[in-house]
Amino acid sequence: MKKINQLMLNGMIQTKRIGQRAVRILKDRSGDQITGWLIVILLVVVVGAFFLKTYQESIIEIWNGIVNKAKTTFGI
């Protein structure tokens, strides 16, 4: 129980630190950091959309395989 409480406390501390960093970044008026983050987000969205479109059929086949394996394993 003591370990769980310590883990929860560490998680709350880290959450608070992340929040403080986010506020600091959002308050930064230089624009350089925000522009950099917007470029990163744009790249992630574009690359993600490309892969989803390209591998859509493969993803569906893999997912169906996982579901079928779960069904046969658990007798559903």
C-alpha atoms as a PDB file:
ATOM      1  CA  MET A   1       0.000   0.000   0.000  1.00  0.00           C
ATOM      2  CA  LYS A   2       2.895   2.318   0.771  1.00  0.00           C
ATOM      3  CA  LYS A   3       4.341   1.803  -2.728  1.00  0.00           C
ATOM      4  CA  ILE A   4       0.995   2.609  -4.346  1.00  0.00           C
ATOM      5  CA  ASN A   5       0.713   5.835  -2.347  1.00  0.00           C
ATOM      6  CA  GLN A   6       4.263   6.776  -3.335  1.00  0.00           C
ATOM      7  CA  LEU A   7       3.514   6.074  -7.008  1.00  0.00           C
ATOM      8  CA  MET A   8       0.357   8.176  -6.829  1.00  0.00           C
ATOM      9  CA  LEU A   9       2.267  11.019  -5.191  1.00  0.00           C
ATOM     10  CA  ASN A  10       4.999  10.851  -7.846  1.00  0.00           C
ATOM     11  CA  GLY A  11       2.355  10.842 -10.577  1.00  0.00           C
ATOM     12  CA  MET A  12       0.654  13.912  -9.130  1.00  0.00           C
ATOM     13  CA  ILE A  13       3.987  15.737  -8.846  1.00  0.00           C
ATOM     14  CA  GLN A  14       4.897  14.932 -12.456  1.00  0.00           C
ATOM     15  CA  THR A  15       1.441  16.004 -13.646  1.00  0.00           C
ATOM     16  CA  LYS A  16       1.855  19.331 -11.888  1.00  0.00           C
ATOM     17  CA  ARG A  17       5.299  19.834 -13.461  1.00  0.00           C
ATOM     18  CA  ILE A  18       3.968  19.092 -16.934  1.00  0.00           C
ATOM     19  CA  GLY A  19       1.159  21.571 -16.385  1.00  0.00           C
ATOM     20  CA  GLN A  20       3.603  24.233 -15.248  1.00  0.00           C
ATOM     21  CA  ARG A  21       5.764  23.658 -18.328  1.00  0.00           C
ATOM     22  CA  ALA A  22       2.741  23.893 -20.609  1.00  0.00           C
ATOM     23  CA  VAL A  23       1.688  27.182 -19.013  1.00  0.00           C
ATOM     24  CA  ARG A  24       5.224  28.531 -19.364  1.00  0.00           C
ATOM     25  CA  ILE A  25       5.310  27.586 -23.065  1.00  0.00           C
ATOM     26  CA  LEU A  26       1.905  29.131 -23.715  1.00  0.00           C
ATOM     27  CA  LYS A  27       2.897  32.358 -21.960  1.00  0.00           C
ATOM     28  CA  ASP A  28       6.096  32.648 -24.010  1.00  0.00           C
ATOM     29  CA  ARG A  29       5.513  35.536 -26.407  1.00  0.00           C
ATOM     30  CA  SER A  30       8.559  34.963 -28.602  1.00  0.00           C
ATOM     31  CA  GLY A  31       6.593  32.726 -30.935  1.00  0.00           C
ATOM     32  CA  ASP A  32       9.576  30.552 -31.826  1.00  0.00           C
ATOM     33  CA  GLN A  33       8.561  27.693 -29.556  1.00  0.00           C
ATOM     34  CA  ILE A  34       4.922  27.795 -30.544  1.00  0.00           C
ATOM     35  CA  THR A  35       5.790  27.889 -34.242  1.00  0.00           C
ATOM     36  CA  GLY A  36       8.061  24.890 -33.778  1.00  0.00           C
ATOM     37  CA  TRP A  37       5.321  22.949 -31.990  1.00  0.00           C
ATOM     38  CA  LEU A  38       2.792  23.818 -34.692  1.00  0.00           C
ATOM     39  CA  ILE A  39       5.177  22.518 -37.359  1.00  0.00           C
ATOM     40  CA  VAL A  40       5.690  19.278 -35.419  1.00  0.00           C
ATOM     41  CA  ILE A  41       1.933  18.811 -34.973  1.00  0.00           C
ATOM     42  CA  LEU A  42       1.345  19.483 -38.672  1.00  0.00           C
ATOM     43  CA  LEU A  43       3.981  16.926 -39.680  1.00  0.00           C
ATOM     44  CA  VAL A  44       2.557  14.306 -37.319  1.00  0.00           C
ATOM     45  CA  VAL A  45      -0.960  14.829 -38.672  1.00  0.00           C
ATOM     46  CA  VAL A  46       0.149  14.705 -42.316  1.00  0.00           C
ATOM     47  CA  VAL A  47       2.337  11.621 -41.867  1.00  0.00           C
ATOM     48  CA  GLY A  48      -0.360   9.922 -39.768  1.00  0.00           C
ATOM     49  CA  ALA A  49      -3.014  10.619 -42.400  1.00  0.00           C
ATOM     50  CA  PHE A  50      -0.723   9.274 -45.124  1.00  0.00           C
ATOM     51  CA  PHE A  51      -0.064   6.036 -43.243  1.00  0.00           C
ATOM     52  CA  LEU A  52      -3.707   5.573 -42.326  1.00  0.00           C
ATOM     53  CA  LYS A  53      -4.772   6.025 -45.944  1.00  0.00           C
ATOM     54  CA  THR A  54      -1.976   3.852 -47.303  1.00  0.00           C
ATOM     55  CA  TYR A  55      -2.313   1.006 -44.809  1.00  0.00           C
ATOM     56  CA  GLN A  56      -6.060   1.199 -44.151  1.00  0.00           C
ATOM     57  CA  GLU A  57      -6.774  -2.259 -45.564  1.00  0.00           C
ATOM     58  CA  SER A  58      -3.822  -3.789 -43.715  1.00  0.00           C
ATOM     59  CA  ILE A  59      -4.949  -2.265 -40.444  1.00  0.00           C
ATOM     60  CA  ILE A  60      -8.434  -3.696 -40.914  1.00  0.00           C
ATOM     61  CA  GLU A  61      -7.026  -7.153 -41.722  1.00  0.00           C
ATOM     62  CA  ILE A  62      -4.716  -7.086 -38.694  1.00  0.00           C
ATOM     63  CA  TRP A  63      -7.544  -5.953 -36.408  1.00  0.00           C
ATOM     64  CA  ASN A  64      -9.868  -8.674 -37.711  1.00  0.00           C
ATOM     65  CA  GLY A  65      -7.112 -11.218 -37.147  1.00  0.00           C
ATOM     66  CA  ILE A  66      -6.710 -10.073 -33.544  1.00  0.00           C
ATOM     67  CA  VAL A  67     -10.465 -10.247 -32.943  1.00  0.00           C
ATOM     68  CA  ASN A  68     -10.728 -13.708 -34.518  1.00  0.00           C
ATOM     69  CA  LYS A  69      -7.801 -14.985 -32.446  1.00  0.00           C
ATOM     70  CA  ALA A  70      -9.421 -13.625 -29.273  1.00  0.00           C
ATOM     71  CA  LYS A  71     -12.722 -15.240 -30.199  1.00  0.00           C
ATOM     72  CA  THR A  72     -11.142 -18.653 -30.821  1.00  0.00           C
ATOM     73  CA  THR A  73      -8.963 -18.414 -27.714  1.00  0.00           C
ATOM     74  CA  PHE A  74     -11.822 -17.533 -25.387  1.00  0.00           C
ATOM     75  CA  GLY A  75     -14.495 -19.552 -27.202  1.00  0.00           C
ATOM     76  CA  ILE A  76     -16.719 -16.603 -27.965  1.00  0.00           C
END
